[in-house]
N, C-alpha and C. Protein backbone atom coordinates (compact mmCIF):
# COMPACT_ATOMS: atom_id res chain seq x y z
N MET A 1 50.63 52.74 124.40
CA MET A 1 51.76 52.13 123.74
C MET A 1 52.04 52.82 122.39
N GLY A 2 51.00 53.18 121.69
CA GLY A 2 51.15 53.83 120.39
C GLY A 2 51.81 55.19 120.49
N ARG A 3 51.51 55.91 121.58
CA ARG A 3 52.10 57.23 121.78
C ARG A 3 53.60 57.12 122.04
N ILE A 4 54.00 56.13 122.79
CA ILE A 4 55.43 55.93 123.08
C ILE A 4 56.19 55.61 121.80
N LEU A 5 55.61 54.76 120.97
CA LEU A 5 56.24 54.40 119.70
C LEU A 5 56.34 55.62 118.78
N LEU A 6 55.30 56.42 118.70
CA LEU A 6 55.32 57.64 117.89
C LEU A 6 56.36 58.63 118.42
N PHE A 7 56.42 58.77 119.73
CA PHE A 7 57.40 59.66 120.36
C PHE A 7 58.83 59.18 120.06
N ALA A 8 59.07 57.89 120.11
CA ALA A 8 60.39 57.32 119.82
C ALA A 8 60.78 57.56 118.36
N ILE A 9 59.83 57.42 117.46
CA ILE A 9 60.10 57.66 116.03
C ILE A 9 60.43 59.13 115.80
N LEU A 10 59.72 60.04 116.44
CA LEU A 10 60.00 61.48 116.29
C LEU A 10 61.39 61.84 116.83
N ILE A 11 61.74 61.26 117.94
CA ILE A 11 63.09 61.50 118.50
C ILE A 11 64.16 60.98 117.55
N PHE A 12 63.94 59.79 116.99
CA PHE A 12 64.91 59.22 116.06
C PHE A 12 65.04 60.09 114.80
N LEU A 13 63.94 60.58 114.27
CA LEU A 13 64.00 61.44 113.09
C LEU A 13 64.72 62.76 113.41
N GLY A 14 64.46 63.31 114.57
CA GLY A 14 65.17 64.52 115.00
C GLY A 14 66.68 64.27 115.10
N TYR A 15 67.05 63.11 115.63
CA TYR A 15 68.46 62.74 115.73
C TYR A 15 69.10 62.69 114.34
N LEU A 16 68.41 62.08 113.38
CA LEU A 16 68.95 61.98 112.02
C LEU A 16 69.15 63.37 111.39
N VAL A 17 68.21 64.28 111.62
CA VAL A 17 68.34 65.63 111.08
C VAL A 17 69.53 66.34 111.69
N VAL A 18 69.67 66.27 113.00
CA VAL A 18 70.79 66.93 113.68
C VAL A 18 72.12 66.32 113.23
N LYS A 19 72.16 65.02 113.08
CA LYS A 19 73.38 64.34 112.64
C LYS A 19 73.78 64.77 111.23
N SER A 20 72.83 64.88 110.32
CA SER A 20 73.16 65.27 108.95
C SER A 20 73.59 66.73 108.88
N LEU A 21 72.98 67.59 109.70
CA LEU A 21 73.42 69.00 109.73
C LEU A 21 74.84 69.11 110.29
N GLY A 22 75.14 68.36 111.32
CA GLY A 22 76.48 68.37 111.89
C GLY A 22 77.52 67.88 110.90
N ALA A 23 77.19 66.84 110.14
CA ALA A 23 78.13 66.31 109.15
C ALA A 23 78.39 67.32 108.04
N SER A 24 77.36 68.04 107.62
CA SER A 24 77.56 69.04 106.56
C SER A 24 78.40 70.21 107.06
N LEU A 25 78.26 70.57 108.34
CA LEU A 25 79.10 71.63 108.89
C LEU A 25 80.55 71.19 108.99
N LEU A 26 80.79 69.94 109.35
CA LEU A 26 82.16 69.44 109.44
C LEU A 26 82.83 69.39 108.07
N LYS A 27 82.07 69.06 107.03
CA LYS A 27 82.63 69.03 105.68
C LYS A 27 83.09 70.41 105.24
N ARG A 28 82.33 71.44 105.62
CA ARG A 28 82.66 72.81 105.23
C ARG A 28 83.72 73.41 106.13
N GLY A 29 84.08 72.77 107.19
CA GLY A 29 85.05 73.31 108.11
C GLY A 29 84.43 74.15 109.20
N GLY A 30 83.12 74.26 109.23
CA GLY A 30 82.44 75.00 110.27
C GLY A 30 82.48 76.51 110.10
N ARG A 31 83.11 77.00 109.01
CA ARG A 31 83.21 78.45 108.81
C ARG A 31 82.82 78.78 107.39
N ASP A 32 82.24 79.93 107.23
CA ASP A 32 81.93 80.44 105.90
C ASP A 32 82.97 81.49 105.53
N GLY A 33 83.28 81.58 104.25
CA GLY A 33 84.17 82.64 103.79
C GLY A 33 85.64 82.27 103.73
N ASP A 34 86.02 81.05 104.10
CA ASP A 34 87.42 80.65 104.04
C ASP A 34 87.71 79.73 102.87
N GLU A 35 86.76 79.54 101.97
CA GLU A 35 86.98 78.66 100.84
C GLU A 35 88.09 79.22 99.96
N GLY A 36 89.01 78.37 99.57
CA GLY A 36 90.06 78.78 98.67
C GLY A 36 91.21 79.52 99.33
N ARG A 37 91.19 79.67 100.62
CA ARG A 37 92.28 80.37 101.31
C ARG A 37 93.17 79.34 101.97
N SER A 38 94.34 79.12 101.38
CA SER A 38 95.23 78.11 101.93
C SER A 38 96.09 78.68 103.05
N ASP A 39 96.22 80.01 103.16
CA ASP A 39 97.10 80.60 104.16
C ASP A 39 96.36 81.05 105.41
N SER A 40 95.11 80.61 105.58
CA SER A 40 94.32 81.12 106.69
C SER A 40 94.86 80.71 108.05
N ALA A 41 95.63 79.63 108.12
CA ALA A 41 96.18 79.21 109.40
C ALA A 41 97.67 78.90 109.26
N GLU A 42 98.36 79.60 108.37
CA GLU A 42 99.77 79.32 108.13
C GLU A 42 100.63 79.99 109.20
N LEU A 43 101.46 79.19 109.87
CA LEU A 43 102.40 79.72 110.85
C LEU A 43 103.72 80.03 110.16
N ILE A 44 104.26 81.20 110.44
CA ILE A 44 105.57 81.57 109.92
C ILE A 44 106.43 82.08 111.07
N GLN A 45 107.73 82.14 110.84
CA GLN A 45 108.66 82.54 111.89
C GLN A 45 109.17 83.95 111.64
N ASP A 46 109.17 84.75 112.69
CA ASP A 46 109.69 86.10 112.62
C ASP A 46 111.20 86.02 112.46
N PRO A 47 111.78 86.71 111.46
CA PRO A 47 113.23 86.63 111.24
C PRO A 47 114.04 87.37 112.31
N GLN A 48 113.41 88.24 113.07
CA GLN A 48 114.13 89.00 114.09
C GLN A 48 114.18 88.26 115.43
N CYS A 49 113.03 87.89 115.96
CA CYS A 49 112.99 87.30 117.30
C CYS A 49 112.80 85.78 117.28
N GLY A 50 112.38 85.21 116.15
CA GLY A 50 112.24 83.76 116.04
C GLY A 50 110.90 83.20 116.47
N ILE A 51 109.97 84.04 116.90
CA ILE A 51 108.67 83.56 117.35
C ILE A 51 107.83 83.15 116.14
N PHE A 52 106.98 82.12 116.32
CA PHE A 52 106.05 81.71 115.27
C PHE A 52 104.72 82.41 115.50
N PHE A 53 104.09 82.84 114.41
CA PHE A 53 102.81 83.56 114.49
C PHE A 53 102.01 83.28 113.23
N LEU A 54 100.72 83.58 113.28
CA LEU A 54 99.86 83.41 112.11
C LEU A 54 100.20 84.47 111.07
N LYS A 55 100.40 84.03 109.85
CA LYS A 55 100.81 84.94 108.78
C LYS A 55 99.83 86.10 108.61
N GLN A 56 98.55 85.83 108.76
CA GLN A 56 97.54 86.88 108.55
C GLN A 56 97.59 87.96 109.62
N HIS A 57 98.24 87.69 110.75
CA HIS A 57 98.34 88.69 111.81
C HIS A 57 99.66 89.44 111.79
N GLY A 58 100.51 89.13 110.83
CA GLY A 58 101.84 89.73 110.78
C GLY A 58 101.87 91.14 110.24
N ILE A 59 103.01 91.77 110.47
CA ILE A 59 103.31 93.11 109.96
C ILE A 59 104.29 92.90 108.80
N GLN A 60 103.95 93.38 107.61
CA GLN A 60 104.80 93.17 106.45
C GLN A 60 105.70 94.37 106.19
N ALA A 61 106.88 94.05 105.65
CA ALA A 61 107.81 95.08 105.18
C ALA A 61 108.40 94.61 103.86
N ARG A 62 108.57 95.53 102.95
CA ARG A 62 109.16 95.22 101.64
C ARG A 62 110.64 95.54 101.73
N ILE A 63 111.49 94.51 101.67
CA ILE A 63 112.93 94.67 101.83
C ILE A 63 113.63 93.95 100.68
N GLY A 64 114.39 94.69 99.90
CA GLY A 64 115.14 94.09 98.79
C GLY A 64 114.27 93.36 97.79
N GLY A 65 113.08 93.85 97.54
CA GLY A 65 112.19 93.22 96.57
C GLY A 65 111.40 92.05 97.14
N GLN A 66 111.58 91.73 98.41
CA GLN A 66 110.84 90.65 99.05
C GLN A 66 109.92 91.21 100.12
N THR A 67 108.79 90.56 100.32
CA THR A 67 107.90 90.92 101.41
C THR A 67 108.22 89.99 102.58
N ILE A 68 108.60 90.59 103.70
CA ILE A 68 108.94 89.82 104.90
C ILE A 68 107.92 90.15 105.96
N SER A 69 107.45 89.12 106.67
CA SER A 69 106.45 89.30 107.73
C SER A 69 107.11 89.24 109.10
N PHE A 70 106.63 90.09 110.00
CA PHE A 70 107.14 90.17 111.37
C PHE A 70 105.98 90.02 112.33
N CYS A 71 106.29 89.61 113.57
CA CYS A 71 105.23 89.42 114.57
C CYS A 71 104.75 90.75 115.13
N SER A 72 105.58 91.78 115.08
CA SER A 72 105.19 93.08 115.64
C SER A 72 105.94 94.21 114.93
N LYS A 73 105.48 95.42 115.17
CA LYS A 73 106.17 96.59 114.60
C LYS A 73 107.55 96.75 115.22
N ALA A 74 107.69 96.41 116.50
CA ALA A 74 109.00 96.52 117.16
C ALA A 74 110.03 95.60 116.50
N CYS A 75 109.64 94.37 116.21
CA CYS A 75 110.57 93.45 115.54
C CYS A 75 110.89 93.92 114.12
N ARG A 76 109.88 94.44 113.42
CA ARG A 76 110.12 94.97 112.08
C ARG A 76 111.13 96.11 112.14
N ASP A 77 110.95 97.03 113.09
CA ASP A 77 111.84 98.18 113.20
C ASP A 77 113.26 97.77 113.58
N LYS A 78 113.41 96.81 114.50
CA LYS A 78 114.74 96.30 114.87
C LYS A 78 115.43 95.67 113.68
N TYR A 79 114.66 94.87 112.92
CA TYR A 79 115.22 94.20 111.74
C TYR A 79 115.67 95.24 110.71
N LEU A 80 114.86 96.25 110.48
CA LEU A 80 115.22 97.29 109.52
C LEU A 80 116.45 98.07 109.99
N ASP A 81 116.58 98.32 111.29
CA ASP A 81 117.75 99.02 111.81
C ASP A 81 119.04 98.23 111.63
N THR A 82 118.96 96.91 111.83
CA THR A 82 120.16 96.09 111.76
C THR A 82 120.47 95.62 110.34
N HIS A 83 119.51 95.61 109.44
CA HIS A 83 119.74 95.09 108.10
C HIS A 83 119.65 96.15 107.01
N SER A 84 119.54 97.40 107.36
CA SER A 84 119.48 98.45 106.34
C SER A 84 120.89 98.87 105.95
N PRO A 85 121.10 99.18 104.66
CA PRO A 85 122.43 99.61 104.23
C PRO A 85 122.77 101.00 104.82
N ARG A 86 124.03 101.16 105.20
CA ARG A 86 124.45 102.44 105.80
C ARG A 86 125.42 103.14 104.93
């Protein structure tokens, strides 16, 4: 009977340790290195084709003093062809 009680106490303590580790990971977001980055999951819309994409995966172009993001090089090139002064 004593062994069963000791075994149950060890399982309960293990559960508490796992639970506290899981809670600390959830507080941090489960990832390291993203602290202070508010744009890590920001969706923006491509001005050429209208598709939404993650800002960090976009292709940037500097147009008229503004930085504009595109979903691909093809959309960037089409936009530059249609919006460049002639």
